[in-house]
Amino acid sequence: MDKRIRKSISTTITVVIIVVIIVIAAGVGVYLATTSKTSTTSTTSTSSVTTAATSCNTSSSTFCFPAKPKGSNATLSGTVTIGVMTDTTDGLSSIGIPIGYATQLAAGDINTWLAGTQWAGKVTFKVDILNYALENSEAATDLSAFASDGITVVVGPLNSGTVGAIYSTAQSDNIVLISPSSTSVLLAGVSNYLYRTVPNDAFQAQADSQEMYQDGVRNLIIVYTNQAYGSGLANATSSLFKAKGGNVTAMIPYTPSTTSFGPTLASMNSAWSTAVANAGGNTSAVAFQVIGYQEVGSLLQQASTSYPSLLNSTQPWYGTDGESDNVAFTNTTFASYSLTARLPSTFYETTNTSATGRVCAAIDTNTSGGCDPYTLNAYDDTWLAADALMQCGANSGTCLASGAVAQVANESVGVTGAMTLGSDHDRIGNAYVIYDIQSISGTITWVIAGNWTVATDMVTWNQYKPKF
């Protein structure tokens, strides 16, 4: 079956974007150029920000880019397409579908902004969304299709395994990849054609290892999806946890396509017995960390039948950003098992701007996946791609990779806050929030239970701290 889904802006989405454009015309700025790299959480200020290139006030209805046309040398004109690689049918579909919508929303917002600038009548942007369904071979085919269509910048892919499989081909084809959600430390700085607007897992591993050690875990069992994301985070967390004085009893990989977790659970049960013995029978000193995606819901469900004592462990099952705030764990199929496991899961902390609420409201209204940082990243990434193309003044992957993407990112604030990249082309991480699954007024839902910062290397819990 051909899993590629080609669409620019469908009739349905066009209607939605027209509505959003009306809202924009009523007056909320979205994308700001700034020289300040300092961000604070949940700001709603309307102060002016300025760069050498342009200035704007965040309370105005004008979108602001640092880019200006390149005069007589500018060749960027007509309709320019930004590619999007997302997942609408596989293990990341719960965020992949909203991500696709977010890029379409951004394209409409960009074109609305352009109408009031010196780019009016010169250039418009659209997105071409392909569903690669987390299959590397399909992603390679999609990349070839983008190259044939003259596309030079792509938002995606979502997962690190696919990013690692295609980035060298993208470089050969002069196509820049901007991923909103790939976090593997193995991909940091591998190519000038790869940028990631999420911190890599060197930061998350610090947060995770401190969270578990601070909670009293001394014997850790790490279960992980065996691809670039899972293995990279598992190894980084293991190393840091050991450095704190903890012991990693076992590291248990499973293949990404696993649906029947019998062998995995048998290994987990054996490792649990060993870890409890090493802890002198103290189950409070033993915990599982599970690094994966939506398939972890099936792991929880099958554990409840085969090894219910594991699911009811003293310590919670610790998750990561692959599970965090994912609606798959609060649906009717997996919610009860997720609640039993508790599943406190880290997610990098974004900084809200005055426009974040508007964008989130549109995403929440028009998709079932919800508005998470990866989805907001994809919205910002679409603006970043368009702005960098205008900075180049040409539809040139070579120019984008030669510094335009990094320059624009480091001068910009999106709906996720300052987009500052490190020298490895990954977003600089400062803090992580910890989501947990709890029953609130009879509804099983994700709540923010705590946070971790680089500055303190400590987890601070709030009233929703998981019960250990």
Protein backbone atom coordinates (compact mmCIF):
# COMPACT_ATOMS: atom_id res chain seq x y z
CA MET A 1 0.00 0.00 0.00
CA ASP A 2 1.27 3.47 -0.86
CA LYS A 3 1.53 5.26 2.47
CA ARG A 4 2.49 8.60 0.99
CA ILE A 5 -0.19 11.21 1.49
CA ARG A 6 0.39 14.25 -0.69
CA LYS A 7 -1.50 17.37 0.14
CA SER A 8 -0.86 21.07 0.04
CA ILE A 9 -3.66 22.89 1.83
CA SER A 10 -6.84 20.85 1.59
CA THR A 11 -10.27 22.41 1.18
CA THR A 12 -11.08 21.62 4.80
CA ILE A 13 -7.90 23.15 6.14
CA THR A 14 -8.25 26.15 3.87
CA VAL A 15 -11.54 26.99 5.55
CA VAL A 16 -9.87 26.71 8.96
CA ILE A 17 -6.98 28.93 7.89
CA ILE A 18 -9.37 31.56 6.56
CA VAL A 19 -10.95 31.65 10.02
CA VAL A 20 -7.53 31.93 11.61
CA ILE A 21 -6.57 34.73 9.24
CA ILE A 22 -9.63 36.67 10.42
CA VAL A 23 -8.44 36.18 13.98
CA ILE A 24 -4.95 37.36 13.03
CA ALA A 25 -6.36 40.45 11.38
CA ALA A 26 -7.97 41.25 14.71
CA GLY A 27 -4.49 41.61 16.01
CA VAL A 28 -1.99 39.18 17.56
CA GLY A 29 1.69 39.03 16.64
CA VAL A 30 3.22 35.58 16.33
CA TYR A 31 6.83 35.57 15.25
CA LEU A 32 9.32 38.07 16.61
CA ALA A 33 12.83 39.05 15.68
CA THR A 34 14.96 39.65 18.74
CA THR A 35 18.53 39.98 19.84
CA SER A 36 17.74 38.78 23.35
CA LYS A 37 18.32 35.10 24.07
CA THR A 38 16.92 35.25 27.60
CA SER A 39 13.45 33.79 28.05
CA THR A 40 11.07 33.56 30.96
CA THR A 41 8.20 31.16 31.35
CA SER A 42 4.68 32.16 30.36
CA THR A 43 5.31 35.79 29.48
CA THR A 44 2.48 37.79 27.97
CA SER A 45 4.23 41.13 27.74
CA THR A 46 3.85 43.43 24.75
CA SER A 47 7.21 45.16 24.85
CA SER A 48 8.96 46.18 21.66
CA VAL A 49 11.93 44.16 20.43
CA THR A 50 14.46 45.34 17.88
CA THR A 51 17.23 44.05 15.67
CA ALA A 52 19.42 45.75 13.10
CA ALA A 53 17.15 44.32 10.43
CA THR A 54 13.66 45.16 11.68
CA SER A 55 11.57 46.01 14.72
CA CYS A 56 8.09 45.19 15.91
CA ASN A 57 5.75 45.38 18.87
CA THR A 58 4.36 42.09 20.09
CA SER A 59 0.93 43.62 20.65
CA SER A 60 0.57 44.56 16.99
CA SER A 61 -1.02 42.48 14.25
CA THR A 62 2.23 42.40 12.26
CA PHE A 63 4.42 39.35 12.00
CA CYS A 64 8.08 40.28 12.08
CA PHE A 65 10.99 38.58 10.36
CA PRO A 66 14.64 39.55 10.59
CA ALA A 67 14.85 38.99 6.81
CA LYS A 68 14.74 41.65 4.11
CA PRO A 69 14.60 41.15 0.33
CA LYS A 70 18.01 40.91 -1.30
CA GLY A 71 17.37 43.69 -3.80
CA SER A 72 18.17 43.03 -7.45
CA ASN A 73 19.92 39.78 -6.54
CA ALA A 74 16.80 38.23 -5.03
CA THR A 75 15.35 35.41 -7.13
CA LEU A 76 12.85 34.06 -4.60
CA SER A 77 9.42 34.62 -6.10
CA GLY A 78 6.12 32.96 -6.88
CA THR A 79 4.82 30.09 -4.76
CA VAL A 80 7.56 28.42 -2.73
CA THR A 81 6.90 24.99 -1.22
CA ILE A 82 8.21 23.81 2.13
CA GLY A 83 8.21 20.03 2.52
CA VAL A 84 6.85 18.31 5.62
CA MET A 85 7.62 14.74 6.70
CA THR A 86 5.26 13.55 9.38
CA ASP A 87 3.53 10.41 10.64
CA THR A 88 -0.24 10.14 10.37
CA THR A 89 -0.69 6.37 10.59
CA ASP A 90 1.99 4.85 12.83
CA GLY A 91 3.51 5.13 16.30
CA LEU A 92 3.83 8.93 16.35
CA SER A 93 0.52 9.70 14.68
CA SER A 94 -0.91 11.25 17.86
CA ILE A 95 1.59 14.09 17.45
CA GLY A 96 2.20 13.65 13.72
CA ILE A 97 -1.34 14.61 12.73
CA PRO A 98 -1.30 17.84 14.78
CA ILE A 99 2.17 18.58 13.42
CA GLY A 100 0.85 18.40 9.88
CA TYR A 101 -1.95 20.77 10.76
CA ALA A 102 0.43 23.15 12.55
CA THR A 103 2.59 23.53 9.43
CA GLN A 104 -0.50 24.32 7.36
CA LEU A 105 -1.62 26.85 9.93
CA ALA A 106 1.82 28.45 9.85
CA ALA A 107 1.80 28.67 6.05
CA GLY A 108 -1.51 30.53 6.16
CA ASP A 109 -0.22 32.84 8.88
CA ILE A 110 2.99 33.53 6.96
CA ASN A 111 1.09 34.50 3.83
CA THR A 112 -1.17 36.78 5.87
CA TRP A 113 1.88 38.52 7.27
CA LEU A 114 3.51 38.82 3.85
CA ALA A 115 0.53 40.75 2.50
CA GLY A 116 1.53 43.74 4.63
CA THR A 117 5.23 43.71 3.81
CA GLN A 118 7.52 44.52 0.92
CA TRP A 119 7.27 40.83 -0.05
CA ALA A 120 3.57 41.32 -0.94
CA GLY A 121 2.87 40.13 -4.47
CA LYS A 122 6.38 38.71 -4.77
CA VAL A 123 6.26 35.40 -2.89
CA THR A 124 3.83 33.12 -1.11
CA PHE A 125 4.45 29.87 0.76
CA LYS A 126 2.70 26.52 0.95
CA VAL A 127 3.50 23.17 2.53
CA ASP A 128 3.54 19.72 0.95
CA ILE A 129 2.90 17.08 3.60
CA LEU A 130 3.98 13.47 3.20
CA ASN A 131 3.24 10.63 5.60
CA TYR A 132 6.35 8.46 5.92
CA ALA A 133 4.77 6.35 8.69
CA LEU A 134 8.14 6.06 10.52
CA GLU A 135 9.49 3.90 7.67
CA ASN A 136 13.02 4.84 6.59
CA SER A 137 12.54 3.53 3.06
CA GLU A 138 9.37 5.57 2.66
CA ALA A 139 11.16 8.65 3.97
CA ALA A 140 13.89 8.16 1.37
CA THR A 141 11.25 7.94 -1.35
CA ASP A 142 9.56 11.08 -0.06
CA LEU A 143 12.88 12.92 0.04
CA SER A 144 13.46 12.01 -3.60
CA ALA A 145 10.00 13.35 -4.46
CA PHE A 146 10.78 16.61 -2.70
CA ALA A 147 14.07 16.90 -4.60
CA SER A 148 12.26 16.35 -7.89
CA ASP A 149 9.82 19.11 -6.99
CA GLY A 150 12.61 21.58 -6.29
CA ILE A 151 11.97 21.71 -2.54
CA THR A 152 15.05 22.78 -0.58
CA VAL A 153 13.83 22.69 3.03
CA VAL A 154 11.76 20.13 4.94
CA VAL A 155 10.14 20.26 8.36
CA GLY A 156 10.87 16.77 9.76
CA PRO A 157 11.30 13.88 9.98
CA LEU A 158 9.95 13.37 13.49
CA ASN A 159 11.99 10.45 14.81
CA SER A 160 15.75 10.20 15.17
CA GLY A 161 15.98 6.81 13.51
CA THR A 162 14.67 8.20 10.25
CA VAL A 163 16.64 11.43 10.54
CA GLY A 164 19.80 9.35 10.92
CA ALA A 165 18.88 7.24 7.91
CA ILE A 166 18.29 10.10 5.46
CA TYR A 167 20.30 13.16 6.49
CA SER A 168 23.29 12.26 4.28
CA THR A 169 20.97 11.86 1.28
CA ALA A 170 19.36 15.18 2.10
CA GLN A 171 22.81 16.76 2.12
CA SER A 172 23.59 15.25 -1.28
CA ASP A 173 20.29 16.59 -2.61
CA ASN A 174 20.87 20.06 -1.06
CA ILE A 175 17.77 19.75 1.11
CA VAL A 176 17.87 21.12 4.65
CA LEU A 177 16.01 19.17 7.34
CA ILE A 178 14.51 21.02 10.32
CA SER A 179 13.21 18.47 12.82
CA PRO A 180 10.80 19.55 15.57
CA SER A 181 11.23 16.38 17.62
CA SER A 182 14.40 14.38 16.87
CA THR A 183 16.50 14.32 20.05
CA SER A 184 19.17 11.60 19.74
CA VAL A 185 22.59 12.73 20.96
CA LEU A 186 24.09 10.62 18.17
CA LEU A 187 22.89 13.16 15.59
CA ALA A 188 24.20 16.32 17.24
CA GLY A 189 26.19 18.35 14.72
CA VAL A 190 26.40 15.62 12.09
CA SER A 191 25.58 17.87 9.13
CA ASN A 192 25.04 21.50 8.14
CA TYR A 193 21.88 20.20 6.46
CA LEU A 194 20.29 19.12 9.75
CA TYR A 195 18.81 21.47 12.38
CA ARG A 196 16.72 20.44 15.38
CA THR A 197 14.56 22.91 17.25
CA VAL A 198 14.40 20.67 20.31
CA PRO A 199 17.26 20.08 22.77
CA ASN A 200 19.10 16.81 22.25
CA ASP A 201 18.98 14.07 24.84
CA ALA A 202 22.20 15.07 26.56
CA PHE A 203 19.93 17.47 28.46
CA GLN A 204 17.08 15.01 28.98
CA ALA A 205 19.46 12.35 30.29
CA GLN A 206 20.61 14.82 32.96
CA ALA A 207 17.02 15.51 33.98
CA ASP A 208 15.99 11.85 33.97
CA SER A 209 18.98 10.54 35.92
CA GLN A 210 18.58 13.25 38.58
CA GLU A 211 14.82 12.70 38.82
CA MET A 212 15.17 8.98 39.52
CA TYR A 213 18.18 9.25 41.81
CA GLN A 214 16.58 12.08 43.78
CA ASP A 215 13.45 9.90 44.22
CA GLY A 216 15.54 7.21 45.91
CA VAL A 217 16.11 4.86 42.98
CA ARG A 218 19.46 3.13 43.26
CA ASN A 219 18.87 0.08 41.04
CA LEU A 220 17.54 0.98 37.60
CA ILE A 221 16.19 -1.20 34.78
CA ILE A 222 16.09 0.63 31.44
CA VAL A 223 13.70 -0.64 28.75
CA TYR A 224 14.02 1.10 25.40
CA THR A 225 13.06 1.11 21.74
CA ASN A 226 16.14 -0.07 19.90
CA GLN A 227 16.79 2.77 17.47
CA ALA A 228 18.75 6.02 17.54
CA TYR A 229 16.45 7.84 19.95
CA GLY A 230 15.97 4.99 22.40
CA SER A 231 19.51 3.65 22.49
CA GLY A 232 21.06 7.11 22.62
CA LEU A 233 18.93 8.27 25.55
CA ALA A 234 19.26 4.92 27.34
CA ASN A 235 23.03 4.98 27.16
CA ALA A 236 23.30 8.62 28.19
CA THR A 237 20.95 8.14 31.15
CA SER A 238 22.74 4.96 32.22
CA SER A 239 26.10 6.71 32.24
CA LEU A 240 24.86 9.69 34.26
CA PHE A 241 22.87 7.53 36.70
CA LYS A 242 25.97 5.45 37.41
CA ALA A 243 28.03 8.61 37.87
CA LYS A 244 25.64 9.62 40.65
CA GLY A 245 26.30 6.32 42.44
CA GLY A 246 23.39 4.29 41.11
CA ASN A 247 23.44 0.83 39.56
CA VAL A 248 21.90 -0.10 36.22
CA THR A 249 20.78 -3.71 36.67
CA ALA A 250 19.74 -4.30 33.05
CA MET A 251 19.23 -2.56 29.74
CA ILE A 252 16.46 -4.26 27.78
CA PRO A 253 15.92 -3.24 24.13
CA TYR A 254 12.92 -4.08 21.99
CA THR A 255 12.45 -3.63 18.26
CA PRO A 256 10.37 -0.57 17.26
CA SER A 257 7.78 -2.77 15.50
CA THR A 258 7.07 -4.89 18.60
CA THR A 259 3.40 -5.48 19.40
CA SER A 260 3.69 -8.58 21.59
CA PHE A 261 5.89 -7.80 24.59
CA GLY A 262 6.00 -11.26 26.19
CA PRO A 263 9.80 -11.72 25.88
CA THR A 264 10.43 -8.12 26.95
CA LEU A 265 8.27 -8.53 30.03
CA ALA A 266 9.95 -11.82 30.92
CA SER A 267 13.33 -10.05 30.82
CA MET A 268 11.92 -7.20 32.91
CA ASN A 269 10.60 -9.63 35.52
CA SER A 270 13.96 -11.41 35.76
CA ALA A 271 15.82 -8.10 36.04
CA TRP A 272 13.37 -6.95 38.71
CA SER A 273 14.14 -9.97 40.89
CA THR A 274 17.87 -9.34 40.53
CA ALA A 275 17.54 -5.63 41.28
CA VAL A 276 15.40 -6.20 44.39
CA ALA A 277 17.92 -8.75 45.65
CA ASN A 278 20.73 -6.23 45.05
CA ALA A 279 18.70 -3.68 47.04
CA GLY A 280 18.37 -6.04 49.99
CA GLY A 281 14.65 -6.45 49.34
CA ASN A 282 13.96 -2.70 49.30
CA THR A 283 11.56 -2.26 46.38
CA SER A 284 11.59 1.52 46.88
CA ALA A 285 15.15 1.51 45.55
CA VAL A 286 14.21 -0.23 42.28
CA ALA A 287 12.51 1.27 39.22
CA PHE A 288 11.92 0.88 35.51
CA GLN A 289 12.69 3.59 32.99
CA VAL A 290 10.80 3.02 29.75
CA ILE A 291 11.97 4.91 26.65
CA GLY A 292 9.58 4.59 23.75
CA TYR A 293 6.54 5.95 21.99
CA GLN A 294 2.86 5.00 21.85
CA GLU A 295 3.70 1.29 21.86
CA VAL A 296 4.53 1.61 25.57
CA GLY A 297 0.76 1.65 26.13
CA SER A 298 0.64 -1.95 24.88
CA LEU A 299 3.58 -2.83 27.13
CA LEU A 300 1.67 -1.48 30.15
CA GLN A 301 -1.50 -3.30 29.15
CA GLN A 302 0.28 -6.63 28.67
CA ALA A 303 2.18 -6.20 31.94
CA SER A 304 -1.12 -5.85 33.79
CA THR A 305 -2.07 -9.34 32.62
CA SER A 306 1.26 -11.19 32.65
CA TYR A 307 3.16 -9.47 35.48
CA PRO A 308 0.75 -7.26 37.44
CA SER A 309 3.22 -6.91 40.33
CA LEU A 310 5.62 -5.08 38.00
CA LEU A 311 2.94 -2.56 37.07
CA ASN A 312 2.17 -2.03 40.74
CA SER A 313 5.78 -1.40 41.74
CA THR A 314 6.55 0.93 44.63
CA GLN A 315 8.31 3.41 42.38
CA PRO A 316 6.53 4.60 39.23
CA TRP A 317 7.58 3.57 35.76
CA TYR A 318 9.60 6.55 34.57
CA GLY A 319 8.90 7.73 31.04
CA THR A 320 10.55 10.24 28.71
CA ASP A 321 9.51 12.72 26.04
CA GLY A 322 8.36 9.92 23.73
CA GLU A 323 5.47 9.26 26.12
CA SER A 324 5.11 12.62 27.85
CA ASP A 325 1.74 14.37 27.38
CA ASN A 326 0.85 11.83 24.67
CA VAL A 327 -2.91 11.37 24.46
CA ALA A 328 -2.44 7.71 23.53
CA PHE A 329 -1.81 7.00 27.22
CA THR A 330 -5.01 8.66 28.42
CA ASN A 331 -7.39 7.13 25.89
CA THR A 332 -9.93 4.49 26.90
CA THR A 333 -7.61 1.63 25.93
CA PHE A 334 -4.55 2.48 28.02
CA ALA A 335 -5.63 5.08 30.59
CA SER A 336 -6.17 2.73 33.52
CA TYR A 337 -2.83 0.99 33.01
CA SER A 338 -1.04 4.32 32.62
CA LEU A 339 -2.62 5.54 35.86
CA THR A 340 -1.37 2.46 37.68
CA ALA A 341 2.17 2.89 36.35
CA ARG A 342 1.98 6.70 36.97
CA LEU A 343 4.58 7.28 34.21
CA PRO A 344 6.20 10.62 35.19
CA SER A 345 7.78 11.73 31.92
CA THR A 346 10.12 14.59 31.05
CA PHE A 347 9.55 17.10 28.27
CA TYR A 348 11.66 20.11 27.45
CA GLU A 349 10.16 23.35 28.69
CA THR A 350 9.06 25.96 26.19
CA THR A 351 8.42 29.64 26.86
CA ASN A 352 4.96 30.93 26.06
CA THR A 353 4.53 34.16 24.12
CA SER A 354 1.42 36.25 23.61
CA ALA A 355 0.62 34.19 20.51
CA THR A 356 1.05 30.67 21.95
CA GLY A 357 -2.52 30.47 23.23
CA ARG A 358 -4.02 31.39 19.86
CA VAL A 359 -1.97 28.77 18.02
CA CYS A 360 -2.69 26.10 20.64
CA ALA A 361 -6.40 26.86 20.53
CA ALA A 362 -6.46 26.33 16.76
CA ILE A 363 -4.52 23.05 17.07
CA ASP A 364 -6.73 21.78 19.90
CA THR A 365 -9.90 22.68 18.02
CA ASN A 366 -8.92 21.10 14.72
CA THR A 367 -7.00 17.97 15.75
CA SER A 368 -7.41 15.24 18.37
CA GLY A 369 -3.73 15.03 19.27
CA GLY A 370 -3.51 18.22 21.26
CA CYS A 371 -0.98 21.03 21.44
CA ASP A 372 2.40 19.84 22.72
CA PRO A 373 5.88 21.42 22.35
CA TYR A 374 6.73 19.29 19.29
CA THR A 375 3.61 20.51 17.50
CA LEU A 376 4.42 24.10 18.40
CA ASN A 377 7.99 23.51 17.21
CA ALA A 378 6.65 22.44 13.82
CA TYR A 379 4.67 25.67 13.60
CA ASP A 380 7.82 27.66 14.40
CA ASP A 381 9.91 25.53 12.05
CA THR A 382 7.68 26.47 9.12
CA TRP A 383 8.25 30.16 9.88
CA LEU A 384 11.97 29.48 10.29
CA ALA A 385 12.13 27.76 6.90
CA ALA A 386 10.26 30.58 5.14
CA ASP A 387 12.29 33.30 6.80
CA ALA A 388 15.59 31.61 6.01
CA LEU A 389 14.58 31.29 2.37
CA MET A 390 13.85 35.02 2.27
CA GLN A 391 17.12 35.69 4.07
CA CYS A 392 18.82 33.86 1.20
CA GLY A 393 16.70 35.62 -1.39
CA ALA A 394 16.67 32.35 -3.30
CA ASN A 395 15.27 28.83 -3.06
CA SER A 396 18.73 27.49 -2.27
CA GLY A 397 19.53 24.59 0.03
CA THR A 398 23.20 25.50 -0.17
CA CYS A 399 22.51 28.97 1.18
CA LEU A 400 20.23 27.63 3.92
CA ALA A 401 22.92 25.19 5.07
CA SER A 402 25.66 27.81 4.89
CA GLY A 403 24.29 29.78 7.81
CA ALA A 404 20.89 31.23 6.97
CA VAL A 405 18.89 28.77 9.10
CA ALA A 406 21.17 29.18 12.11
CA GLN A 407 21.23 32.97 11.76
CA VAL A 408 17.47 33.31 11.59
CA ALA A 409 16.91 30.84 14.46
CA ASN A 410 19.32 32.71 16.70
CA GLU A 411 17.56 36.01 15.97
CA SER A 412 14.01 34.75 16.41
CA VAL A 413 11.35 34.11 19.00
CA GLY A 414 8.50 31.83 18.04
CA VAL A 415 5.49 30.52 19.91
CA THR A 416 7.91 28.24 21.80
CA GLY A 417 10.13 31.14 22.87
CA ALA A 418 13.69 31.96 21.87
CA MET A 419 14.92 29.49 19.22
CA THR A 420 18.63 29.75 20.00
CA LEU A 421 20.70 26.89 18.56
CA GLY A 422 24.01 25.59 19.84
CA SER A 423 27.05 24.96 17.67
CA ASP A 424 25.71 21.43 17.12
CA HIS A 425 22.60 22.93 15.39
CA ASP A 426 20.35 21.74 18.22
CA ARG A 427 18.23 23.96 20.42
CA ILE A 428 19.90 24.82 23.71
CA GLY A 429 18.03 23.20 26.61
CA ASN A 430 17.58 24.99 29.93
CA ALA A 431 14.73 23.22 31.67
CA TYR A 432 12.38 20.24 31.54
CA VAL A 433 8.89 19.83 32.91
CA ILE A 434 7.72 16.49 34.26
CA TYR A 435 4.27 15.35 33.20
CA ASP A 436 2.45 12.68 35.20
CA ILE A 437 -0.79 10.77 34.61
CA GLN A 438 -3.36 11.32 37.35
CA SER A 439 -7.09 11.20 37.89
CA ILE A 440 -8.42 14.74 38.23
CA SER A 441 -12.12 15.03 39.06
CA GLY A 442 -12.65 11.55 37.67
CA THR A 443 -10.78 12.18 34.42
CA ILE A 444 -7.45 10.47 33.76
CA THR A 445 -5.18 13.10 32.28
CA TRP A 446 -1.62 14.39 32.08
CA VAL A 447 -0.67 17.08 34.57
CA ILE A 448 2.57 18.99 35.11
CA ALA A 449 3.92 17.57 38.37
CA GLY A 450 7.37 19.15 38.54
CA ASN A 451 10.35 20.56 36.70
CA TRP A 452 14.13 20.29 36.40
CA THR A 453 16.60 23.01 35.44
CA VAL A 454 20.17 22.93 34.17
CA ALA A 455 21.13 25.65 36.63
CA THR A 456 20.17 23.66 39.75
CA ASP A 457 20.28 20.06 38.49
CA MET A 458 17.40 19.41 40.88
CA VAL A 459 13.80 18.31 40.43
CA THR A 460 11.17 20.43 42.12
CA TRP A 461 7.79 18.75 42.58
CA ASN A 462 4.43 20.47 43.03
CA GLN A 463 1.14 19.22 44.49
CA TYR A 464 0.84 16.65 41.70
CA LYS A 465 3.98 14.76 42.65
CA PRO A 466 3.44 11.05 41.84
CA LYS A 467 2.71 8.89 44.88
CA PHE A 468 5.65 6.56 45.49
